[in-house]
Amino acid sequence: MLIEFIAVTAEDAVLIEKSGADRIELVSGLTEGGITPSYGLIEKVVNSVTIPVNVMVRPHGQSFCYSDDDFAIMKNDVRMIQSLGANGVVFGMLDQKGDIDYRHLEELLTDVGTMEVTFHRAIDSSNNIMKAAQQLDQYKEITAILTSGGYGDWETRLEILKKMKESCKQTEILIGSGLTKENIVQVHTQVGTNHYHFGTAIRKDNSILKSVSLEKAIEIVHTLK
């Protein structure tokens, strides 16, 4: 079982560790779907907790399509994040046709060193989520795919998540977006990837603009473990 919670501040990160969660995804700009946090925040969080910290690498929230300038920034960010002692990086990219941008992906993977790599929810916006998952599963550097099973009704997405789990042999399916204390038992029972990612569900009033609630975070951990 791996439980990952999103942090946007150093205080969030400390509370997440206290809750018993296994890993932190550190981001800024939750209202934009998550963008790369500052180097100062990354350093502070990595030095404030003992659980692994994976850091979002996304230069802007406009889309998952990146220019060459965007990509140069992402490469520099990956190198800096590694130097600051993070456990991993979280990124994803699509081309203008809505397929995985494999050219940029492969180049970025050459810079990750020993860090873990999560390919994030860009996959949910791809043209063919199953094909994308199977192709991403071929990269040994990619340890997890963060996904909600695409978009649409809940039951359809649960079926897609089950198929993703079955088809990926070496890459973990990290289920995220929309997970709550109320639905996680159903997801775990029906899909059972044992890898779960929570954002607003652990925040006060379920608001992306409010801080982590230790009580809510503990409740989710205890529900799963």
C-alpha atoms as a PDB file:
ATOM      1  CA  MET A   1       0.000   0.000   0.000  1.00  0.00           C
ATOM      2  CA  LEU A   2       1.310   3.425  -0.965  1.00  0.00           C
ATOM      3  CA  ILE A   3      -0.600   6.563  -0.016  1.00  0.00           C
ATOM      4  CA  GLU A   4       0.532   9.849  -1.537  1.00  0.00           C
ATOM      5  CA  PHE A   5      -0.792  13.252  -0.485  1.00  0.00           C
ATOM      6  CA  ILE A   6      -0.274  16.606  -2.205  1.00  0.00           C
ATOM      7  CA  ALA A   7       1.594  19.354  -0.355  1.00  0.00           C
ATOM      8  CA  VAL A   8       1.860  22.987  -1.429  1.00  0.00           C
ATOM      9  CA  THR A   9       3.644  24.334   1.665  1.00  0.00           C
ATOM     10  CA  ALA A  10       6.263  23.137   4.126  1.00  0.00           C
ATOM     11  CA  GLU A  11       3.540  23.044   6.790  1.00  0.00           C
ATOM     12  CA  ASP A  12       1.445  20.752   4.583  1.00  0.00           C
ATOM     13  CA  ALA A  13       4.396  18.409   4.225  1.00  0.00           C
ATOM     14  CA  VAL A  14       4.968  18.116   7.983  1.00  0.00           C
ATOM     15  CA  LEU A  15       1.283  17.341   8.583  1.00  0.00           C
ATOM     16  CA  ILE A  16       1.279  14.755   5.796  1.00  0.00           C
ATOM     17  CA  GLU A  17       4.194  12.944   7.374  1.00  0.00           C
ATOM     18  CA  LYS A  18       2.435  13.023  10.768  1.00  0.00           C
ATOM     19  CA  SER A  19      -0.672  11.469   9.188  1.00  0.00           C
ATOM     20  CA  GLY A  20       1.206   8.292   8.321  1.00  0.00           C
ATOM     21  CA  ALA A  21       1.146   8.777   4.547  1.00  0.00           C
ATOM     22  CA  ASP A  22       3.959   7.209   2.564  1.00  0.00           C
ATOM     23  CA  ARG A  23       4.913   9.930   0.113  1.00  0.00           C
ATOM     24  CA  ILE A  24       4.441  13.591  -0.717  1.00  0.00           C
ATOM     25  CA  GLU A  25       3.799  15.106  -4.123  1.00  0.00           C
ATOM     26  CA  LEU A  26       5.006  18.694  -3.877  1.00  0.00           C
ATOM     27  CA  VAL A  27       3.408  21.226  -6.218  1.00  0.00           C
ATOM     28  CA  SER A  28       2.515  24.876  -6.484  1.00  0.00           C
ATOM     29  CA  GLY A  29      -0.518  26.372  -8.180  1.00  0.00           C
ATOM     30  CA  LEU A  30      -3.175  23.792  -7.363  1.00  0.00           C
ATOM     31  CA  THR A  31      -5.736  26.045  -9.039  1.00  0.00           C
ATOM     32  CA  GLU A  32      -3.800  25.450 -12.280  1.00  0.00           C
ATOM     33  CA  GLY A  33      -3.650  21.698 -11.783  1.00  0.00           C
ATOM     34  CA  GLY A  34      -0.176  21.874 -10.263  1.00  0.00           C
ATOM     35  CA  ILE A  35       3.011  23.566 -11.493  1.00  0.00           C
ATOM     36  CA  THR A  36       6.673  23.408 -10.479  1.00  0.00           C
ATOM     37  CA  PRO A  37       7.290  24.762  -6.962  1.00  0.00           C
ATOM     38  CA  SER A  38      10.149  27.114  -6.155  1.00  0.00           C
ATOM     39  CA  TYR A  39      13.590  25.740  -5.391  1.00  0.00           C
ATOM     40  CA  GLY A  40      13.366  27.298  -1.930  1.00  0.00           C
ATOM     41  CA  LEU A  41      10.165  25.402  -1.165  1.00  0.00           C
ATOM     42  CA  ILE A  42      11.575  22.130  -2.499  1.00  0.00           C
ATOM     43  CA  GLU A  43      14.686  22.441  -0.336  1.00  0.00           C
ATOM     44  CA  LYS A  44      12.659  23.326   2.759  1.00  0.00           C
ATOM     45  CA  VAL A  45      10.250  20.413   2.342  1.00  0.00           C
ATOM     46  CA  VAL A  46      12.947  17.834   1.581  1.00  0.00           C
ATOM     47  CA  ASN A  47      14.782  18.930   4.739  1.00  0.00           C
ATOM     48  CA  SER A  48      11.630  19.023   6.883  1.00  0.00           C
ATOM     49  CA  VAL A  49      10.383  15.442   6.414  1.00  0.00           C
ATOM     50  CA  THR A  50      11.825  11.948   6.221  1.00  0.00           C
ATOM     51  CA  ILE A  51       9.257  10.418   3.831  1.00  0.00           C
ATOM     52  CA  PRO A  52       9.950  10.609   0.074  1.00  0.00           C
ATOM     53  CA  VAL A  53       9.125  13.838  -1.771  1.00  0.00           C
ATOM     54  CA  ASN A  54       8.248  13.754  -5.471  1.00  0.00           C
ATOM     55  CA  VAL A  55       8.165  17.141  -7.189  1.00  0.00           C
ATOM     56  CA  MET A  56       5.956  18.364 -10.016  1.00  0.00           C
ATOM     57  CA  VAL A  57       7.805  19.474 -13.156  1.00  0.00           C
ATOM     58  CA  ARG A  58       5.338  21.569 -15.153  1.00  0.00           C
ATOM     59  CA  PRO A  59       6.328  25.064 -16.293  1.00  0.00           C
ATOM     60  CA  HIS A  60       2.774  26.371 -16.734  1.00  0.00           C
ATOM     61  CA  GLY A  61      -0.840  25.322 -16.450  1.00  0.00           C
ATOM     62  CA  GLN A  62      -1.942  26.251 -19.967  1.00  0.00           C
ATOM     63  CA  SER A  63      -1.807  22.721 -21.346  1.00  0.00           C
ATOM     64  CA  PHE A  64       0.356  19.599 -21.453  1.00  0.00           C
ATOM     65  CA  CYS A  65       1.943  20.687 -24.745  1.00  0.00           C
ATOM     66  CA  TYR A  66       5.323  22.323 -24.308  1.00  0.00           C
ATOM     67  CA  SER A  67       7.469  24.492 -26.544  1.00  0.00           C
ATOM     68  CA  ASP A  68      11.209  24.005 -26.862  1.00  0.00           C
ATOM     69  CA  ASP A  69      11.669  26.886 -24.404  1.00  0.00           C
ATOM     70  CA  ASP A  70       9.295  25.200 -21.941  1.00  0.00           C
ATOM     71  CA  PHE A  71      11.195  21.976 -22.339  1.00  0.00           C
ATOM     72  CA  ALA A  72      14.559  23.635 -21.675  1.00  0.00           C
ATOM     73  CA  ILE A  73      13.098  24.955 -18.416  1.00  0.00           C
ATOM     74  CA  MET A  74      11.840  21.480 -17.497  1.00  0.00           C
ATOM     75  CA  LYS A  75      15.282  19.963 -18.068  1.00  0.00           C
ATOM     76  CA  ASN A  76      16.889  22.544 -15.784  1.00  0.00           C
ATOM     77  CA  ASP A  77      14.186  21.996 -13.165  1.00  0.00           C
ATOM     78  CA  VAL A  78      14.783  18.227 -13.167  1.00  0.00           C
ATOM     79  CA  ARG A  79      18.496  18.748 -12.576  1.00  0.00           C
ATOM     80  CA  MET A  80      17.859  21.223  -9.755  1.00  0.00           C
ATOM     81  CA  ILE A  81      15.267  18.993  -8.106  1.00  0.00           C
ATOM     82  CA  GLN A  82      17.736  16.125  -8.121  1.00  0.00           C
ATOM     83  CA  SER A  83      20.442  18.327  -6.586  1.00  0.00           C
ATOM     84  CA  LEU A  84      18.044  19.344  -3.794  1.00  0.00           C
ATOM     85  CA  GLY A  85      17.595  15.720  -2.723  1.00  0.00           C
ATOM     86  CA  ALA A  86      14.057  14.943  -3.857  1.00  0.00           C
ATOM     87  CA  ASN A  87      12.994  11.331  -4.244  1.00  0.00           C
ATOM     88  CA  GLY A  88      11.374  11.775  -7.628  1.00  0.00           C
ATOM     89  CA  VAL A  89       9.818  13.945 -10.297  1.00  0.00           C
ATOM     90  CA  VAL A  90       6.309  14.090 -11.717  1.00  0.00           C
ATOM     91  CA  PHE A  91       5.781  15.141 -15.324  1.00  0.00           C
ATOM     92  CA  GLY A  92       3.939  14.388 -18.539  1.00  0.00           C
ATOM     93  CA  MET A  93       3.716  15.825 -22.025  1.00  0.00           C
ATOM     94  CA  LEU A  94       1.518  15.575 -25.093  1.00  0.00           C
ATOM     95  CA  ASP A  95       2.053  16.647 -28.687  1.00  0.00           C
ATOM     96  CA  GLN A  96      -0.356  18.836 -30.632  1.00  0.00           C
ATOM     97  CA  LYS A  97      -2.252  15.741 -31.824  1.00  0.00           C
ATOM     98  CA  GLY A  98      -2.940  14.580 -28.273  1.00  0.00           C
ATOM     99  CA  ASP A  99      -0.450  11.715 -28.269  1.00  0.00           C
ATOM    100  CA  ILE A 100       2.391  11.282 -25.766  1.00  0.00           C
ATOM    101  CA  ASP A 101       5.325  13.498 -26.779  1.00  0.00           C
ATOM    102  CA  TYR A 102       7.867  10.700 -26.792  1.00  0.00           C
ATOM    103  CA  ARG A 103      10.714  12.782 -28.220  1.00  0.00           C
ATOM    104  CA  HIS A 104      10.671  15.180 -25.280  1.00  0.00           C
ATOM    105  CA  LEU A 105       9.835  12.419 -22.799  1.00  0.00           C
ATOM    106  CA  GLU A 106      12.846  10.328 -23.749  1.00  0.00           C
ATOM    107  CA  GLU A 107      15.181  13.300 -23.614  1.00  0.00           C
ATOM    108  CA  LEU A 108      13.900  14.282 -20.186  1.00  0.00           C
ATOM    109  CA  LEU A 109      14.306  10.728 -18.894  1.00  0.00           C
ATOM    110  CA  THR A 110      18.045  10.951 -19.587  1.00  0.00           C
ATOM    111  CA  ASP A 111      18.301  13.633 -16.875  1.00  0.00           C
ATOM    112  CA  VAL A 112      16.424  11.938 -14.010  1.00  0.00           C
ATOM    113  CA  GLY A 113      19.349   9.908 -12.709  1.00  0.00           C
ATOM    114  CA  THR A 114      18.209   7.618  -9.904  1.00  0.00           C
ATOM    115  CA  MET A 115      15.047   9.581  -9.131  1.00  0.00           C
ATOM    116  CA  GLU A 116      11.653   7.941  -9.451  1.00  0.00           C
ATOM    117  CA  VAL A 117       9.453   9.186 -12.293  1.00  0.00           C
ATOM    118  CA  THR A 118       5.672   9.496 -12.231  1.00  0.00           C
ATOM    119  CA  PHE A 119       3.999  10.258 -15.561  1.00  0.00           C
ATOM    120  CA  HIS A 120       1.114  12.443 -14.462  1.00  0.00           C
ATOM    121  CA  ARG A 121      -2.472  12.990 -15.544  1.00  0.00           C
ATOM    122  CA  ALA A 122      -1.517  14.279 -18.980  1.00  0.00           C
ATOM    123  CA  ILE A 123      -2.302  10.677 -19.907  1.00  0.00           C
ATOM    124  CA  ASP A 124      -5.961  11.306 -19.094  1.00  0.00           C
ATOM    125  CA  SER A 125      -6.060  13.938 -21.853  1.00  0.00           C
ATOM    126  CA  SER A 126      -4.372  11.698 -24.433  1.00  0.00           C
ATOM    127  CA  ASN A 127      -6.162  10.291 -27.479  1.00  0.00           C
ATOM    128  CA  ASN A 128      -5.883   6.657 -26.408  1.00  0.00           C
ATOM    129  CA  ILE A 129      -5.295   6.153 -22.714  1.00  0.00           C
ATOM    130  CA  MET A 130      -4.778   2.381 -22.919  1.00  0.00           C
ATOM    131  CA  LYS A 131      -2.280   2.596 -25.768  1.00  0.00           C
ATOM    132  CA  ALA A 132      -0.432   5.371 -23.942  1.00  0.00           C
ATOM    133  CA  ALA A 133      -0.246   3.323 -20.717  1.00  0.00           C
ATOM    134  CA  GLN A 134       1.118   0.284 -22.544  1.00  0.00           C
ATOM    135  CA  GLN A 135       3.785   2.369 -24.258  1.00  0.00           C
ATOM    136  CA  LEU A 136       4.790   4.181 -21.061  1.00  0.00           C
ATOM    137  CA  ASP A 137       5.113   0.791 -19.379  1.00  0.00           C
ATOM    138  CA  GLN A 138       8.054   0.053 -21.683  1.00  0.00           C
ATOM    139  CA  TYR A 139      10.224   2.732 -20.044  1.00  0.00           C
ATOM    140  CA  LYS A 140      12.105   1.327 -17.065  1.00  0.00           C
ATOM    141  CA  GLU A 141      12.645   4.846 -15.685  1.00  0.00           C
ATOM    142  CA  ILE A 142       8.897   5.443 -15.284  1.00  0.00           C
ATOM    143  CA  THR A 143       7.845   3.948 -11.961  1.00  0.00           C
ATOM    144  CA  ALA A 144       4.225   5.120 -11.846  1.00  0.00           C
ATOM    145  CA  ILE A 145       1.409   6.543 -13.950  1.00  0.00           C
ATOM    146  CA  LEU A 146      -0.863   8.972 -12.123  1.00  0.00           C
ATOM    147  CA  THR A 147      -4.332   8.661 -13.642  1.00  0.00           C
ATOM    148  CA  SER A 148      -8.041   8.921 -12.974  1.00  0.00           C
ATOM    149  CA  GLY A 149      -8.841   6.556 -15.827  1.00  0.00           C
ATOM    150  CA  GLY A 150      -9.562   9.452 -18.153  1.00  0.00           C
ATOM    151  CA  TYR A 151     -12.731  11.506 -17.933  1.00  0.00           C
ATOM    152  CA  GLY A 152     -16.398  10.622 -17.904  1.00  0.00           C
ATOM    153  CA  ASP A 153     -18.591   8.643 -15.548  1.00  0.00           C
ATOM    154  CA  TRP A 154     -17.097   6.917 -12.521  1.00  0.00           C
ATOM    155  CA  GLU A 155     -17.965   3.311 -13.448  1.00  0.00           C
ATOM    156  CA  THR A 156     -16.394   3.639 -16.904  1.00  0.00           C
ATOM    157  CA  ARG A 157     -13.226   5.061 -15.395  1.00  0.00           C
ATOM    158  CA  LEU A 158     -13.031   2.230 -12.878  1.00  0.00           C
ATOM    159  CA  GLU A 159     -13.125  -0.270 -15.749  1.00  0.00           C
ATOM    160  CA  ILE A 160     -10.359   1.600 -17.561  1.00  0.00           C
ATOM    161  CA  LEU A 161      -8.247   1.663 -14.392  1.00  0.00           C
ATOM    162  CA  LYS A 162      -8.646  -2.100 -14.032  1.00  0.00           C
ATOM    163  CA  LYS A 163      -7.511  -2.612 -17.625  1.00  0.00           C
ATOM    164  CA  MET A 164      -4.538  -0.295 -17.090  1.00  0.00           C
ATOM    165  CA  LYS A 165      -3.518  -2.256 -14.017  1.00  0.00           C
ATOM    166  CA  GLU A 166      -3.739  -5.539 -15.918  1.00  0.00           C
ATOM    167  CA  SER A 167      -1.797  -4.304 -18.959  1.00  0.00           C
ATOM    168  CA  CYS A 168       1.082  -2.547 -17.160  1.00  0.00           C
ATOM    169  CA  LYS A 169       3.705  -5.067 -16.081  1.00  0.00           C
ATOM    170  CA  GLN A 170       6.377  -2.875 -14.484  1.00  0.00           C
ATOM    171  CA  THR A 171       4.690   0.494 -13.929  1.00  0.00           C
ATOM    172  CA  GLU A 172       2.443   1.133 -10.934  1.00  0.00           C
ATOM    173  CA  ILE A 173      -0.980   2.659 -11.553  1.00  0.00           C
ATOM    174  CA  LEU A 174      -1.304   5.520  -9.071  1.00  0.00           C
ATOM    175  CA  ILE A 175      -4.997   6.406  -8.890  1.00  0.00           C
ATOM    176  CA  GLY A 176      -5.712  10.066  -8.288  1.00  0.00           C
ATOM    177  CA  SER A 177      -8.169  12.910  -8.861  1.00  0.00           C
ATOM    178  CA  GLY A 178     -11.552  12.603  -7.263  1.00  0.00           C
ATOM    179  CA  LEU A 179     -10.558  10.138  -4.557  1.00  0.00           C
ATOM    180  CA  THR A 180     -12.317  10.735  -1.233  1.00  0.00           C
ATOM    181  CA  LYS A 181     -12.788   9.053   2.122  1.00  0.00           C
ATOM    182  CA  GLU A 182     -16.228   8.023   0.865  1.00  0.00           C
ATOM    183  CA  ASN A 183     -15.198   6.323  -2.399  1.00  0.00           C
ATOM    184  CA  ILE A 184     -11.719   4.965  -1.719  1.00  0.00           C
ATOM    185  CA  VAL A 185     -12.970   1.648  -0.320  1.00  0.00           C
ATOM    186  CA  GLN A 186     -14.962   1.029  -3.517  1.00  0.00           C
ATOM    187  CA  VAL A 187     -11.942   1.908  -5.659  1.00  0.00           C
ATOM    188  CA  HIS A 188      -9.652  -0.298  -3.622  1.00  0.00           C
ATOM    189  CA  THR A 189     -12.101  -3.198  -3.722  1.00  0.00           C
ATOM    190  CA  GLN A 190     -12.809  -2.962  -7.452  1.00  0.00           C
ATOM    191  CA  VAL A 191      -9.398  -1.970  -8.795  1.00  0.00           C
ATOM    192  CA  GLY A 192      -6.900  -2.644  -6.012  1.00  0.00           C
ATOM    193  CA  THR A 193      -3.759  -1.025  -7.365  1.00  0.00           C
ATOM    194  CA  ASN A 194      -2.662  -0.295  -3.766  1.00  0.00           C
ATOM    195  CA  HIS A 195      -1.309   3.066  -4.964  1.00  0.00           C
ATOM    196  CA  TYR A 196      -3.527   6.065  -4.190  1.00  0.00           C
ATOM    197  CA  HIS A 197      -3.103   9.829  -4.532  1.00  0.00           C
ATOM    198  CA  PHE A 198      -5.186  12.453  -2.704  1.00  0.00           C
ATOM    199  CA  GLY A 199      -5.348  16.223  -3.038  1.00  0.00           C
ATOM    200  CA  THR A 200      -8.386  18.201  -1.915  1.00  0.00           C
ATOM    201  CA  ALA A 201      -9.777  15.277   0.118  1.00  0.00           C
ATOM    202  CA  ILE A 202      -7.244  15.982   2.876  1.00  0.00           C
ATOM    203  CA  ARG A 203      -7.754  19.763   2.916  1.00  0.00           C
ATOM    204  CA  LYS A 204      -9.928  21.880   5.145  1.00  0.00           C
ATOM    205  CA  ASP A 205     -13.385  22.257   3.569  1.00  0.00           C
ATOM    206  CA  ASN A 206     -12.040  20.203   0.622  1.00  0.00           C
ATOM    207  CA  SER A 207     -10.672  23.483  -0.731  1.00  0.00           C
ATOM    208  CA  ILE A 208      -7.570  23.692  -2.895  1.00  0.00           C
ATOM    209  CA  LEU A 209      -6.916  27.087  -1.327  1.00  0.00           C
ATOM    210  CA  LYS A 210      -6.826  25.763   2.255  1.00  0.00           C
ATOM    211  CA  SER A 211      -4.214  23.844   4.202  1.00  0.00           C
ATOM    212  CA  VAL A 212      -4.019  20.149   4.974  1.00  0.00           C
ATOM    213  CA  SER A 213      -6.283  18.896   7.765  1.00  0.00           C
ATOM    214  CA  LEU A 214      -4.310  16.433   9.862  1.00  0.00           C
ATOM    215  CA  GLU A 215      -7.545  14.840  11.062  1.00  0.00           C
ATOM    216  CA  LYS A 216      -8.811  14.199   7.527  1.00  0.00           C
ATOM    217  CA  ALA A 217      -5.434  12.912   6.367  1.00  0.00           C
ATOM    218  CA  ILE A 218      -5.211  10.479   9.291  1.00  0.00           C
ATOM    219  CA  GLU A 219      -8.749   9.257   8.609  1.00  0.00           C
ATOM    220  CA  ILE A 220      -7.888   8.347   5.016  1.00  0.00           C
ATOM    221  CA  VAL A 221      -4.666   6.590   6.052  1.00  0.00           C
ATOM    222  CA  HIS A 222      -6.550   4.571   8.676  1.00  0.00           C
ATOM    223  CA  THR A 223      -9.251   3.679   6.134  1.00  0.00           C
ATOM    224  CA  LEU A 224      -6.681   2.113   3.855  1.00  0.00           C
ATOM    225  CA  LYS A 225      -4.160   0.624   6.262  1.00  0.00           C
END
